[in-house]
């Protein structure tokens, strides 16, 4: 009897040890499935948070500036308007920055006011440049930061467009059309009626046209997603505009207004003088022509007004 009890106790102890080992194995598996530690360079939360009360995992939103959710497709646009005292250097630095960022200039234009000095040398003043550039999306922030150092930034804006839904719809439509295309090809191989074959070919042509159209839209979206669009306006100035950060008095603002008005008056007078100098020769020719015409008219009027000679009475 004692031997039987001892054997039973041994079985119970062995079962307890096995249960403990099994529990430890489960804990080890759970620990092994934990989220990997944050890697160097991660500056936003990308790990699930744990509810401390019940131990359940709760969803969290990925946090971080300009970081899209996983799977999201975001197109970024930016606009910058700035002033510069050194127009040529600014334009050259901008073009170099676009090249270094791995982007390209989509379109550009430069214009200004033409002036002539005393020696007849032509100068272009108050130049203005407009650039539309494309830079890789992952280089956008660095490019915008550098662009802000090229001059005095007057205004800047940034816009994000989420095209995830549109992109997903296009992909779904593309998959459906490709499936239909495969089925049409299979039916064409089995078709024996000429009328049915013609109908299948017409539908296949339509399906292929839709596939090409959708592919073009997807390629366009891929291009916009890969390369962000930045529009830059650069204006040449003599002095920078200073931003007023404190409340100025009435007389200070009045003085600024008079000063700005005087600058505009001087600039307008210069432009008027330059325009007048360019038009002086045509004005002189016009004046000479008017004088000649007036003299001819006066001469003809005198001839008409002169009385005819009286005829002598016949004897």
Protein backbone atom coordinates (compact mmCIF):
# COMPACT_ATOMS: atom_id res chain seq x y z
CA UNK A 1 0.00 0.00 0.00
CA UNK A 2 2.80 2.39 0.92
CA UNK A 3 4.51 1.67 -2.37
CA UNK A 4 1.33 2.56 -4.25
CA UNK A 5 0.99 5.90 -2.39
CA UNK A 6 4.63 6.73 -3.02
CA UNK A 7 4.20 5.97 -6.73
CA UNK A 8 1.09 8.21 -6.89
CA UNK A 9 2.91 11.08 -5.16
CA UNK A 10 5.78 10.73 -7.62
CA UNK A 11 3.36 11.01 -10.55
CA UNK A 12 1.82 14.17 -9.05
CA UNK A 13 5.23 15.79 -8.56
CA UNK A 14 6.25 14.92 -12.12
CA UNK A 15 3.02 16.43 -13.51
CA UNK A 16 3.64 19.62 -11.53
CA UNK A 17 7.15 19.93 -12.91
CA UNK A 18 5.91 19.42 -16.47
CA UNK A 19 3.19 22.05 -16.01
CA UNK A 20 5.77 24.53 -14.70
CA UNK A 21 8.04 23.92 -17.67
CA UNK A 22 5.11 24.35 -20.03
CA UNK A 23 4.18 27.68 -18.43
CA UNK A 24 7.76 28.88 -18.73
CA UNK A 25 7.82 27.90 -22.40
CA UNK A 26 4.67 29.92 -23.06
CA UNK A 27 6.16 32.94 -21.31
CA UNK A 28 9.34 32.58 -23.33
CA UNK A 29 7.35 32.51 -26.58
CA UNK A 30 5.42 35.60 -25.56
CA UNK A 31 8.60 37.45 -24.75
CA UNK A 32 10.11 36.40 -28.05
CA UNK A 33 7.16 37.89 -29.96
CA UNK A 34 7.55 41.33 -28.39
CA UNK A 35 8.13 44.33 -30.66
CA UNK A 36 11.75 44.90 -31.64
CA UNK A 37 13.55 47.77 -29.87
CA UNK A 38 13.61 51.22 -31.52
CA UNK A 39 16.42 51.58 -33.97
CA UNK A 40 18.76 54.62 -34.10
CA UNK A 41 17.21 57.47 -36.04
CA UNK A 42 13.61 56.66 -35.09
CA UNK A 43 12.04 59.86 -33.78
CA UNK A 44 8.41 58.90 -33.69
CA UNK A 45 6.23 56.27 -31.99
CA UNK A 46 5.69 53.18 -34.10
CA UNK A 47 5.03 50.58 -31.40
CA UNK A 48 1.70 49.41 -29.95
CA UNK A 49 0.94 50.66 -26.46
CA UNK A 50 -0.21 48.28 -23.71
CA UNK A 51 -3.15 48.98 -21.44
CA UNK A 52 -1.67 48.54 -17.95
CA UNK A 53 -5.02 47.67 -16.35
CA UNK A 54 -6.02 44.63 -18.44
CA UNK A 55 -2.86 43.95 -20.45
CA UNK A 56 -4.60 44.39 -23.79
CA UNK A 57 -2.82 45.93 -26.76
CA UNK A 58 -4.41 49.18 -27.95
CA UNK A 59 -3.94 50.85 -31.33
CA UNK A 60 -1.73 53.91 -31.56
CA UNK A 61 -1.25 56.45 -34.32
CA UNK A 62 2.21 56.89 -35.78
CA UNK A 63 3.50 60.26 -34.63
CA UNK A 64 6.06 62.49 -36.30
CA UNK A 65 6.24 65.50 -38.60
CA UNK A 66 5.33 64.73 -42.24
CA UNK A 67 5.23 60.99 -41.52
CA UNK A 68 2.37 59.22 -43.28
CA UNK A 69 0.61 56.18 -41.88
CA UNK A 70 1.74 52.83 -43.17
CA UNK A 71 0.39 52.36 -46.67
CA UNK A 72 -0.75 55.97 -47.05
CA UNK A 73 0.12 57.74 -50.29
CA UNK A 74 0.68 61.47 -49.80
CA UNK A 75 1.59 64.03 -52.46
CA UNK A 76 3.32 67.18 -51.18
CA UNK A 77 3.30 70.65 -52.77
CA UNK A 78 5.19 73.72 -51.52
CA UNK A 79 5.38 77.41 -52.45
CA UNK A 80 8.10 79.91 -51.49
CA UNK A 81 8.32 83.61 -52.32
CA UNK A 82 11.52 85.44 -51.42
CA UNK A 83 13.56 88.60 -52.03
CA UNK A 84 17.27 88.71 -52.82
CA UNK A 85 19.97 91.36 -53.02
CA UNK A 86 22.13 89.14 -55.26
CA UNK A 87 19.84 87.81 -57.95
CA UNK A 88 22.35 85.87 -60.05
CA UNK A 89 23.96 84.16 -57.05
CA UNK A 90 20.55 83.18 -55.67
CA UNK A 91 19.37 81.70 -58.95
CA UNK A 92 22.65 79.77 -59.39
CA UNK A 93 22.49 78.44 -55.82
CA UNK A 94 18.89 77.35 -56.30
CA UNK A 95 19.64 75.43 -59.49
CA UNK A 96 22.62 73.74 -57.81
CA UNK A 97 20.43 72.78 -54.84
CA UNK A 98 17.86 71.16 -57.13
CA UNK A 99 20.62 69.19 -58.84
CA UNK A 100 22.21 68.10 -55.55
CA UNK A 101 18.85 66.94 -54.21
CA UNK A 102 18.43 64.67 -57.21
CA UNK A 103 15.58 66.72 -58.64
CA UNK A 104 14.99 68.62 -61.84
CA UNK A 105 13.61 71.95 -63.04
CA UNK A 106 10.17 71.48 -64.57
CA UNK A 107 9.93 75.03 -65.95
CA UNK A 108 11.46 78.44 -65.27
CA UNK A 109 11.27 82.04 -66.45
CA UNK A 110 13.23 85.24 -65.77
CA UNK A 111 12.17 88.81 -66.62
CA UNK A 112 12.85 92.37 -65.52
CA UNK A 113 12.85 96.07 -66.42
CA UNK A 114 15.17 97.32 -69.18
CA UNK A 115 17.16 100.52 -68.70
CA UNK A 116 19.82 102.39 -70.70
CA UNK A 117 22.69 104.35 -69.15
CA UNK A 118 24.45 107.42 -70.59
CA UNK A 119 26.74 105.25 -72.72
CA UNK A 120 23.82 103.34 -74.20
CA UNK A 121 24.54 100.16 -72.24
CA UNK A 122 21.42 98.09 -71.63
CA UNK A 123 20.76 96.93 -68.07
CA UNK A 124 18.01 94.75 -66.66
CA UNK A 125 16.79 95.86 -63.26
CA UNK A 126 14.18 94.58 -60.80
CA UNK A 127 14.55 91.06 -62.11
CA UNK A 128 12.02 88.39 -61.22
CA UNK A 129 12.36 84.62 -61.55
CA UNK A 130 9.75 81.90 -61.36
CA UNK A 131 10.73 78.25 -60.90
CA UNK A 132 8.70 75.07 -60.72
CA UNK A 133 10.98 72.28 -59.56
CA UNK A 134 10.56 68.61 -58.64
CA UNK A 135 12.61 67.12 -55.82
CA UNK A 136 12.50 63.64 -54.28
CA UNK A 137 9.84 63.47 -51.57
CA UNK A 138 12.34 62.34 -48.93
CA UNK A 139 14.54 65.36 -49.71
CA UNK A 140 11.71 67.92 -49.55
CA UNK A 141 12.20 69.16 -45.99
CA UNK A 142 15.95 69.66 -46.41
CA UNK A 143 15.42 71.42 -49.75
CA UNK A 144 12.80 73.78 -48.27
CA UNK A 145 15.10 74.58 -45.36
CA UNK A 146 17.95 75.45 -47.72
CA UNK A 147 15.68 77.52 -49.98
CA UNK A 148 14.73 79.63 -46.98
CA UNK A 149 18.39 80.67 -46.61
CA UNK A 150 18.70 82.02 -50.16
CA UNK A 151 17.08 85.35 -49.34
CA UNK A 152 14.39 87.12 -47.36
CA UNK A 153 11.35 84.81 -47.31
CA UNK A 154 8.16 86.80 -47.87
CA UNK A 155 5.74 83.88 -47.80
CA UNK A 156 5.78 80.11 -47.77
CA UNK A 157 3.17 77.37 -47.75
CA UNK A 158 2.96 73.61 -47.90
CA UNK A 159 0.10 71.34 -48.92
CA UNK A 160 -0.41 67.59 -48.60
CA UNK A 161 -2.85 65.60 -50.72
CA UNK A 162 -3.82 62.09 -49.69
CA UNK A 163 -4.39 60.01 -52.85
CA UNK A 164 -4.54 56.62 -51.15
CA UNK A 165 -8.20 56.04 -51.97
CA UNK A 166 -7.80 57.11 -55.60
CA UNK A 167 -4.71 54.94 -56.02
CA UNK A 168 -6.40 51.92 -54.46
CA UNK A 169 -9.46 52.31 -56.69
CA UNK A 170 -7.27 52.46 -59.78
CA UNK A 171 -5.38 49.35 -58.74
CA UNK A 172 -8.61 47.46 -58.07
CA UNK A 173 -10.02 48.51 -61.42
CA UNK A 174 -6.76 47.48 -63.11
CA UNK A 175 -6.88 44.01 -61.50
CA UNK A 176 -10.50 43.54 -62.56
CA UNK A 177 -9.75 44.54 -66.15
CA UNK A 178 -6.75 42.23 -66.37
CA UNK A 179 -8.89 39.35 -65.13
CA UNK A 180 -11.49 40.16 -67.75
CA UNK A 181 -8.78 40.37 -70.39
CA UNK A 182 -7.56 36.86 -69.52
CA UNK A 183 -11.09 35.47 -69.72
CA UNK A 184 -11.73 37.15 -73.05
CA UNK A 185 -8.57 35.61 -74.50
CA UNK A 186 -9.67 32.17 -73.27
CA UNK A 187 -13.13 32.64 -74.82
CA UNK A 188 -11.61 33.76 -78.11
CA UNK A 189 -9.61 30.54 -78.30
CA UNK A 190 -12.80 28.52 -77.89
CA UNK A 191 -15.09 30.69 -80.03
CA UNK A 192 -16.37 29.05 -83.20
CA UNK A 193 -18.95 31.64 -84.27
CA UNK A 194 -17.48 34.53 -86.28
CA UNK A 195 -19.98 37.01 -84.81
CA UNK A 196 -19.09 36.00 -81.27
CA UNK A 197 -15.39 36.28 -82.11
CA UNK A 198 -15.87 39.81 -83.46
CA UNK A 199 -17.78 40.85 -80.33
CA UNK A 200 -15.04 39.41 -78.10
CA UNK A 201 -12.34 41.26 -80.05
CA UNK A 202 -14.21 44.56 -79.72
CA UNK A 203 -14.58 44.10 -75.98
CA UNK A 204 -10.93 43.07 -75.66
CA UNK A 205 -9.86 46.24 -77.48
CA UNK A 206 -11.96 48.35 -75.11
CA UNK A 207 -10.54 46.57 -72.07
CA UNK A 208 -6.96 47.07 -73.24
CA UNK A 209 -7.62 50.78 -73.84
CA UNK A 210 -8.95 51.14 -70.28
CA UNK A 211 -5.93 49.28 -68.89
CA UNK A 212 -3.55 51.65 -70.70
CA UNK A 213 -5.48 54.68 -69.46
CA UNK A 214 -5.42 53.48 -65.85
CA UNK A 215 -1.72 52.66 -66.14
CA UNK A 216 -1.01 56.23 -67.28
CA UNK A 217 -2.90 57.58 -64.26
CA UNK A 218 -0.98 55.29 -61.93
CA UNK A 219 2.33 56.31 -63.49
CA UNK A 220 1.40 59.98 -63.06
CA UNK A 221 0.51 59.44 -59.41
CA UNK A 222 3.73 57.49 -58.86
CA UNK A 223 5.69 60.42 -60.29
CA UNK A 224 3.90 62.93 -58.03
CA UNK A 225 4.44 60.68 -55.02
CA UNK A 226 8.12 60.16 -55.73
CA UNK A 227 8.91 63.81 -56.59
CA UNK A 228 7.30 66.68 -54.69
CA UNK A 229 6.53 69.92 -56.55
CA UNK A 230 7.99 73.19 -55.25
CA UNK A 231 7.14 76.58 -56.76
CA UNK A 232 9.60 79.40 -56.06
CA UNK A 233 9.25 83.11 -56.85
CA UNK A 234 12.42 85.20 -56.55
CA UNK A 235 12.42 89.01 -56.75
CA UNK A 236 15.47 91.28 -56.94
CA UNK A 237 15.37 94.19 -54.47
CA UNK A 238 17.71 96.92 -53.25
CA UNK A 239 16.84 96.49 -49.58
CA UNK A 240 15.04 93.77 -47.66
CA UNK A 241 11.65 94.32 -46.15
CA UNK A 242 11.87 93.99 -42.38
CA UNK A 243 9.13 92.22 -40.51
CA UNK A 244 7.52 94.41 -37.82
CA UNK A 245 7.42 92.35 -34.62
CA UNK A 246 6.50 95.10 -32.14
CA UNK A 247 3.72 97.64 -32.01
CA UNK A 248 4.88 100.82 -33.70
CA UNK A 249 3.60 104.28 -32.89
CA UNK A 250 1.46 106.38 -35.23
CA UNK A 251 4.33 108.72 -36.13
CA UNK A 252 6.68 105.79 -36.81
CA UNK A 253 4.17 104.22 -39.18
CA UNK A 254 3.53 107.66 -40.74
CA UNK A 255 7.26 108.12 -41.32
CA UNK A 256 7.50 104.65 -42.89
CA UNK A 257 4.59 105.51 -45.17
CA UNK A 258 6.22 108.78 -46.29
CA UNK A 259 9.51 106.96 -46.88
CA UNK A 260 7.85 104.23 -48.92
CA UNK A 261 5.93 106.84 -50.91
CA UNK A 262 9.12 108.80 -51.66
CA UNK A 263 10.86 105.61 -52.84
CA UNK A 264 7.97 104.83 -55.16
CA UNK A 265 8.00 108.43 -56.46
CA UNK A 266 11.74 108.32 -57.19
CA UNK A 267 11.43 104.91 -58.84
CA UNK A 268 8.50 106.13 -60.94
CA UNK A 269 10.41 109.27 -61.95
CA UNK A 270 13.40 107.17 -62.98
CA UNK A 271 11.21 104.88 -65.06
CA UNK A 272 9.50 107.90 -66.65
CA UNK A 273 12.84 109.49 -67.50
CA UNK A 274 14.15 106.27 -68.99
CA UNK A 275 10.99 105.85 -71.04
CA UNK A 276 11.12 109.46 -72.19
CA UNK A 277 14.76 109.11 -73.23
CA UNK A 278 13.88 106.06 -75.28
CA UNK A 279 10.99 107.89 -77.00
CA UNK A 280 12.68 111.30 -77.52
CA UNK A 281 13.73 110.62 -81.12
CA UNK A 282 10.25 109.55 -82.30
CA UNK A 283 8.81 112.60 -80.48
CA UNK A 284 11.21 114.96 -82.30
CA UNK A 285 10.33 113.46 -85.68
CA UNK A 286 6.64 113.77 -84.84
CA UNK A 287 7.06 117.42 -83.82
CA UNK A 288 8.99 118.25 -87.02
CA UNK A 289 6.29 116.58 -89.11
CA UNK A 290 3.58 118.59 -87.34
CA UNK A 291 5.46 121.88 -87.90
CA UNK A 292 5.92 121.11 -91.61
CA UNK A 293 2.25 120.29 -92.01
CA UNK A 294 1.21 123.50 -90.21
CA UNK A 295 3.49 125.62 -92.42
CA UNK A 296 2.14 124.03 -95.59
CA UNK A 297 -1.44 124.63 -94.46
CA UNK A 298 -0.71 128.28 -93.64
CA UNK A 299 0.92 128.81 -97.01
CA UNK A 300 -2.05 127.32 -98.84
CA UNK A 301 -4.45 129.41 -96.78
CA UNK A 302 -2.59 132.58 -97.71
CA UNK A 303 -2.78 131.68 -101.39
CA UNK A 304 -6.50 131.15 -101.12
CA UNK A 305 -7.06 134.37 -99.18
CA UNK A 306 -5.03 136.54 -101.62
CA UNK A 307 -7.51 138.63 -103.83
CA UNK A 308 -7.44 138.08 -107.59
CA UNK A 309 -6.02 141.03 -109.68
CA UNK A 310 -8.66 143.41 -111.09
CA UNK A 311 -9.03 143.55 -114.89
CA UNK A 312 -8.60 147.02 -116.51
CA UNK A 313 -11.66 148.47 -118.20
CA UNK A 314 -11.50 148.31 -121.93
CA UNK A 315 -11.22 151.64 -123.59
